[in-house]
Amino acid sequence: MKPARHQLTHCRRCQAPIIWCLTSANGRRQPVNFEPDDTGNVAVSNGADGVLYVRTVTAARPDIKPGEWQAMPHHATCKLPPPRRSGGGGQRTTSGVRPSPWQR
């Protein structure tokens, strides 16, 4: 099964065709490549409300059920991914440090 054309949009960075889905775990939006992919690690299904839902294919639930199709998350294949956020590994500056020890 394949997503409908009206669900198609394009990545803002690389202009690849994608669809937006809601994760079944926490309801967050996740971009998924438009074309089904047998090497993908997510399963996409069309909900009764017309919304696309995505779940991760895991060892506990490895099978693709009827009505689902296997796809690849777009973050894994984007040709122009956003820059990585730093973990704050640089020098930290302190501000608002108390000039004297705490008084009881």
N, C-alpha and C. Protein backbone atom coordinates (compact mmCIF):
# COMPACT_ATOMS: atom_id res chain seq x y z
N MET A 1 0.85 -1.18 0.00
CA MET A 1 0.00 0.00 0.00
C MET A 1 0.90 1.24 0.00
N LYS A 2 0.41 2.30 -0.56
CA LYS A 2 1.19 3.53 -0.71
C LYS A 2 0.36 4.70 -0.20
N PRO A 3 1.02 5.75 0.33
CA PRO A 3 0.26 6.90 0.80
C PRO A 3 -0.42 7.63 -0.36
N ALA A 4 -1.48 8.37 -0.03
CA ALA A 4 -2.23 9.12 -1.04
C ALA A 4 -1.45 10.36 -1.48
N ARG A 5 -1.70 10.81 -2.67
CA ARG A 5 -1.01 11.99 -3.22
C ARG A 5 -1.29 13.26 -2.40
N HIS A 6 -2.49 13.37 -1.81
CA HIS A 6 -2.80 14.59 -1.06
C HIS A 6 -2.00 14.66 0.25
N GLN A 7 -1.37 13.56 0.67
CA GLN A 7 -0.54 13.56 1.87
C GLN A 7 0.91 13.90 1.57
N LEU A 8 1.24 13.99 0.30
CA LEU A 8 2.60 14.27 -0.14
C LEU A 8 2.99 15.72 0.12
N THR A 9 4.19 15.90 0.63
CA THR A 9 4.79 17.23 0.77
C THR A 9 6.27 17.06 0.47
N HIS A 10 7.04 18.12 0.57
CA HIS A 10 8.47 18.05 0.25
C HIS A 10 9.29 18.56 1.42
N CYS A 11 10.47 17.96 1.59
CA CYS A 11 11.41 18.37 2.63
C CYS A 11 11.86 19.81 2.35
N ARG A 12 11.90 20.64 3.38
CA ARG A 12 12.31 22.04 3.20
C ARG A 12 13.78 22.15 2.83
N ARG A 13 14.60 21.18 3.19
CA ARG A 13 16.03 21.27 2.92
C ARG A 13 16.42 20.65 1.58
N CYS A 14 16.02 19.38 1.35
CA CYS A 14 16.49 18.69 0.14
C CYS A 14 15.41 18.54 -0.92
N GLN A 15 14.18 18.96 -0.64
CA GLN A 15 13.05 18.91 -1.57
C GLN A 15 12.62 17.48 -1.95
N ALA A 16 13.03 16.49 -1.18
CA ALA A 16 12.61 15.11 -1.44
C ALA A 16 11.14 14.95 -1.05
N PRO A 17 10.41 14.07 -1.73
CA PRO A 17 9.01 13.85 -1.37
C PRO A 17 8.90 13.10 -0.04
N ILE A 18 8.10 13.64 0.88
CA ILE A 18 7.93 13.03 2.20
C ILE A 18 6.45 13.07 2.59
N ILE A 19 6.12 12.34 3.63
CA ILE A 19 4.81 12.42 4.26
C ILE A 19 5.05 12.63 5.74
N TRP A 20 4.12 13.31 6.40
CA TRP A 20 4.21 13.52 7.84
C TRP A 20 3.29 12.51 8.52
N CYS A 21 3.82 11.86 9.54
CA CYS A 21 3.07 10.86 10.28
C CYS A 21 3.13 11.20 11.77
N LEU A 22 2.21 10.64 12.53
CA LEU A 22 2.25 10.74 13.98
C LEU A 22 2.80 9.43 14.52
N THR A 23 3.73 9.53 15.48
CA THR A 23 4.27 8.31 16.06
C THR A 23 3.23 7.68 16.97
N SER A 24 3.15 6.37 16.93
CA SER A 24 2.16 5.69 17.77
C SER A 24 2.60 5.68 19.23
N ALA A 25 3.89 5.88 19.50
CA ALA A 25 4.38 5.86 20.87
C ALA A 25 3.99 7.12 21.65
N ASN A 26 4.20 8.30 21.05
CA ASN A 26 3.93 9.53 21.80
C ASN A 26 3.21 10.62 21.01
N GLY A 27 2.77 10.33 19.80
CA GLY A 27 1.98 11.30 19.04
C GLY A 27 2.77 12.45 18.46
N ARG A 28 4.08 12.32 18.36
CA ARG A 28 4.89 13.39 17.74
C ARG A 28 4.92 13.21 16.24
N ARG A 29 5.17 14.33 15.54
CA ARG A 29 5.23 14.29 14.07
C ARG A 29 6.60 13.77 13.64
N GLN A 30 6.59 12.92 12.62
CA GLN A 30 7.83 12.37 12.08
C GLN A 30 7.75 12.36 10.56
N PRO A 31 8.77 12.91 9.88
CA PRO A 31 8.78 12.84 8.42
C PRO A 31 9.24 11.46 7.96
N VAL A 32 8.56 10.92 6.96
CA VAL A 32 8.88 9.61 6.42
C VAL A 32 8.96 9.76 4.91
N ASN A 33 9.89 9.05 4.28
CA ASN A 33 10.00 9.10 2.83
C ASN A 33 8.69 8.64 2.19
N PHE A 34 8.32 9.28 1.10
CA PHE A 34 7.04 9.01 0.43
C PHE A 34 6.99 7.60 -0.16
N GLU A 35 8.08 7.16 -0.75
CA GLU A 35 8.09 5.84 -1.40
C GLU A 35 8.30 4.74 -0.36
N PRO A 36 7.51 3.66 -0.42
CA PRO A 36 7.75 2.51 0.46
C PRO A 36 9.15 1.95 0.24
N ASP A 37 9.75 1.42 1.30
CA ASP A 37 11.13 0.94 1.25
C ASP A 37 11.23 -0.34 2.07
N ASP A 38 11.63 -1.45 1.44
CA ASP A 38 11.74 -2.73 2.13
C ASP A 38 12.88 -2.75 3.15
N THR A 39 13.81 -1.80 3.07
CA THR A 39 14.90 -1.74 4.04
C THR A 39 14.59 -0.79 5.19
N GLY A 40 13.45 -0.14 5.16
CA GLY A 40 13.08 0.82 6.20
C GLY A 40 12.81 0.15 7.54
N ASN A 41 12.87 0.95 8.61
CA ASN A 41 12.67 0.39 9.94
C ASN A 41 11.40 0.93 10.61
N VAL A 42 10.48 1.48 9.81
CA VAL A 42 9.20 1.91 10.36
C VAL A 42 8.06 1.34 9.51
N ALA A 43 6.92 1.17 10.16
CA ALA A 43 5.71 0.71 9.48
C ALA A 43 4.69 1.84 9.56
N VAL A 44 4.12 2.20 8.42
CA VAL A 44 3.17 3.30 8.33
C VAL A 44 1.78 2.73 8.07
N SER A 45 0.79 3.26 8.75
CA SER A 45 -0.59 2.83 8.53
C SER A 45 -1.49 4.06 8.46
N ASN A 46 -2.58 3.92 7.76
CA ASN A 46 -3.56 4.99 7.63
C ASN A 46 -4.64 4.74 8.67
N GLY A 47 -4.79 5.66 9.62
CA GLY A 47 -5.77 5.51 10.68
C GLY A 47 -7.19 5.73 10.18
N ALA A 48 -8.14 5.35 11.00
CA ALA A 48 -9.55 5.53 10.65
C ALA A 48 -9.91 7.00 10.52
N ASP A 49 -9.14 7.88 11.19
CA ASP A 49 -9.39 9.32 11.13
C ASP A 49 -8.71 9.98 9.94
N GLY A 50 -8.04 9.19 9.08
CA GLY A 50 -7.38 9.73 7.90
C GLY A 50 -5.96 10.20 8.16
N VAL A 51 -5.48 10.06 9.39
CA VAL A 51 -4.13 10.47 9.76
C VAL A 51 -3.20 9.29 9.58
N LEU A 52 -1.97 9.56 9.12
CA LEU A 52 -0.97 8.51 8.98
C LEU A 52 -0.27 8.31 10.32
N TYR A 53 -0.12 7.07 10.72
CA TYR A 53 0.57 6.72 11.96
C TYR A 53 1.79 5.88 11.62
N VAL A 54 2.85 6.05 12.40
CA VAL A 54 4.09 5.32 12.17
C VAL A 54 4.52 4.65 13.47
N ARG A 55 5.05 3.45 13.33
CA ARG A 55 5.62 2.74 14.47
C ARG A 55 6.94 2.14 14.04
N THR A 56 7.82 1.95 14.99
CA THR A 56 9.12 1.36 14.70
C THR A 56 8.98 -0.15 14.58
N VAL A 57 9.63 -0.72 13.59
CA VAL A 57 9.67 -2.17 13.44
C VAL A 57 10.76 -2.67 14.37
N THR A 58 10.39 -3.42 15.39
CA THR A 58 11.34 -3.88 16.40
C THR A 58 11.38 -5.41 16.41
N ALA A 59 12.27 -5.96 17.22
CA ALA A 59 12.35 -7.41 17.37
C ALA A 59 11.07 -7.95 18.00
N ALA A 60 10.44 -7.15 18.85
CA ALA A 60 9.20 -7.59 19.50
C ALA A 60 8.02 -7.57 18.51
N ARG A 61 8.02 -6.62 17.57
CA ARG A 61 6.95 -6.51 16.57
C ARG A 61 7.57 -6.35 15.18
N PRO A 62 8.17 -7.45 14.64
CA PRO A 62 8.89 -7.32 13.37
C PRO A 62 8.02 -7.42 12.13
N ASP A 63 6.81 -7.91 12.27
CA ASP A 63 5.97 -8.16 11.09
C ASP A 63 5.21 -6.92 10.65
N ILE A 64 5.09 -6.78 9.34
CA ILE A 64 4.28 -5.71 8.76
C ILE A 64 2.87 -6.27 8.64
N LYS A 65 1.93 -5.62 9.28
CA LYS A 65 0.54 -6.09 9.30
C LYS A 65 -0.18 -5.67 8.02
N PRO A 66 -1.30 -6.32 7.70
CA PRO A 66 -2.10 -5.88 6.55
C PRO A 66 -2.56 -4.43 6.76
N GLY A 67 -2.44 -3.64 5.73
CA GLY A 67 -2.81 -2.22 5.81
C GLY A 67 -1.63 -1.34 6.16
N GLU A 68 -0.48 -1.91 6.50
CA GLU A 68 0.74 -1.14 6.78
C GLU A 68 1.69 -1.29 5.61
N TRP A 69 2.61 -0.35 5.48
CA TRP A 69 3.69 -0.48 4.52
C TRP A 69 4.97 -0.05 5.20
N GLN A 70 6.06 -0.65 4.76
CA GLN A 70 7.37 -0.39 5.34
C GLN A 70 7.99 0.82 4.67
N ALA A 71 8.59 1.69 5.47
CA ALA A 71 9.17 2.91 4.93
C ALA A 71 10.42 3.28 5.72
N MET A 72 11.10 4.31 5.24
CA MET A 72 12.33 4.80 5.87
C MET A 72 12.07 6.18 6.43
N PRO A 73 12.47 6.45 7.69
CA PRO A 73 12.36 7.81 8.22
C PRO A 73 13.21 8.76 7.37
N HIS A 74 12.70 9.93 7.10
CA HIS A 74 13.42 10.85 6.22
C HIS A 74 14.70 11.36 6.86
N HIS A 75 14.76 11.42 8.18
CA HIS A 75 15.99 11.88 8.84
C HIS A 75 17.19 11.00 8.47
N ALA A 76 16.93 9.74 8.17
CA ALA A 76 18.01 8.81 7.84
C ALA A 76 18.54 9.00 6.42
N THR A 77 17.77 9.62 5.54
CA THR A 77 18.17 9.71 4.14
C THR A 77 18.27 11.13 3.61
N CYS A 78 18.00 12.14 4.42
CA CYS A 78 18.03 13.53 3.94
C CYS A 78 19.43 13.89 3.48
N LYS A 79 19.52 14.45 2.28
CA LYS A 79 20.82 14.82 1.73
C LYS A 79 21.36 16.11 2.33
N LEU A 80 20.52 16.93 2.92
CA LEU A 80 20.93 18.19 3.54
C LEU A 80 20.37 18.26 4.97
N PRO A 81 20.85 17.40 5.87
CA PRO A 81 20.28 17.40 7.23
C PRO A 81 20.63 18.68 7.97
N PRO A 82 19.84 19.02 8.97
CA PRO A 82 20.15 20.21 9.75
C PRO A 82 21.44 20.00 10.52
N PRO A 83 22.13 21.09 10.85
CA PRO A 83 23.38 20.94 11.60
C PRO A 83 23.10 20.32 12.96
N ARG A 84 24.05 19.52 13.43
CA ARG A 84 23.89 18.87 14.73
C ARG A 84 24.00 19.90 15.83
N ARG A 85 23.17 19.72 16.84
CA ARG A 85 23.23 20.60 18.00
C ARG A 85 24.37 20.15 18.89
N SER A 86 25.07 21.12 19.43
CA SER A 86 26.17 20.75 20.32
C SER A 86 25.61 20.36 21.67
N GLY A 87 26.33 19.50 22.33
CA GLY A 87 25.92 19.05 23.65
C GLY A 87 26.42 19.96 24.74
N GLY A 88 26.91 21.15 24.39
CA GLY A 88 27.43 22.07 25.39
C GLY A 88 28.81 21.67 25.87
N GLY A 89 29.58 21.05 24.98
CA GLY A 89 30.90 20.57 25.37
C GLY A 89 31.95 21.66 25.48
N GLY A 90 31.63 22.89 25.11
CA GLY A 90 32.60 23.97 25.18
C GLY A 90 32.74 24.51 26.60
N GLN A 91 33.51 25.57 26.74
CA GLN A 91 33.68 26.20 28.04
C GLN A 91 32.38 26.84 28.48
N ARG A 92 32.03 26.62 29.71
CA ARG A 92 30.82 27.21 30.26
C ARG A 92 31.19 28.44 31.05
N THR A 93 30.40 29.45 30.92
CA THR A 93 30.60 30.64 31.73
C THR A 93 29.59 30.62 32.86
N THR A 94 30.02 31.05 33.99
CA THR A 94 29.11 31.08 35.13
C THR A 94 28.60 32.49 35.30
N SER A 95 27.37 32.57 35.67
CA SER A 95 26.79 33.88 35.92
C SER A 95 25.89 33.75 37.13
N GLY A 96 25.78 34.80 37.87
CA GLY A 96 24.93 34.78 39.03
C GLY A 96 25.51 33.97 40.18
N VAL A 97 26.84 33.85 40.23
CA VAL A 97 27.46 33.09 41.30
C VAL A 97 27.49 33.94 42.56
N ARG A 98 27.11 33.33 43.67
CA ARG A 98 27.09 34.02 44.95
C ARG A 98 28.53 34.36 45.35
N PRO A 99 28.84 35.63 45.65
CA PRO A 99 30.20 36.03 45.97
C PRO A 99 30.67 35.53 47.35
N SER A 100 29.77 35.20 48.22
CA SER A 100 30.19 34.72 49.55
C SER A 100 29.50 33.40 49.85
N PRO A 101 30.00 32.62 50.80
CA PRO A 101 29.38 31.35 51.11
C PRO A 101 27.97 31.55 51.68
N TRP A 102 27.18 30.50 51.60
CA TRP A 102 25.81 30.54 52.12
C TRP A 102 25.82 30.77 53.61
N GLN A 103 24.93 31.60 54.07
CA GLN A 103 24.78 31.85 55.49
C GLN A 103 23.57 31.08 56.01
N ARG A 104 23.72 30.55 57.19
CA ARG A 104 22.58 29.85 57.79
C ARG A 104 21.88 30.69 58.80
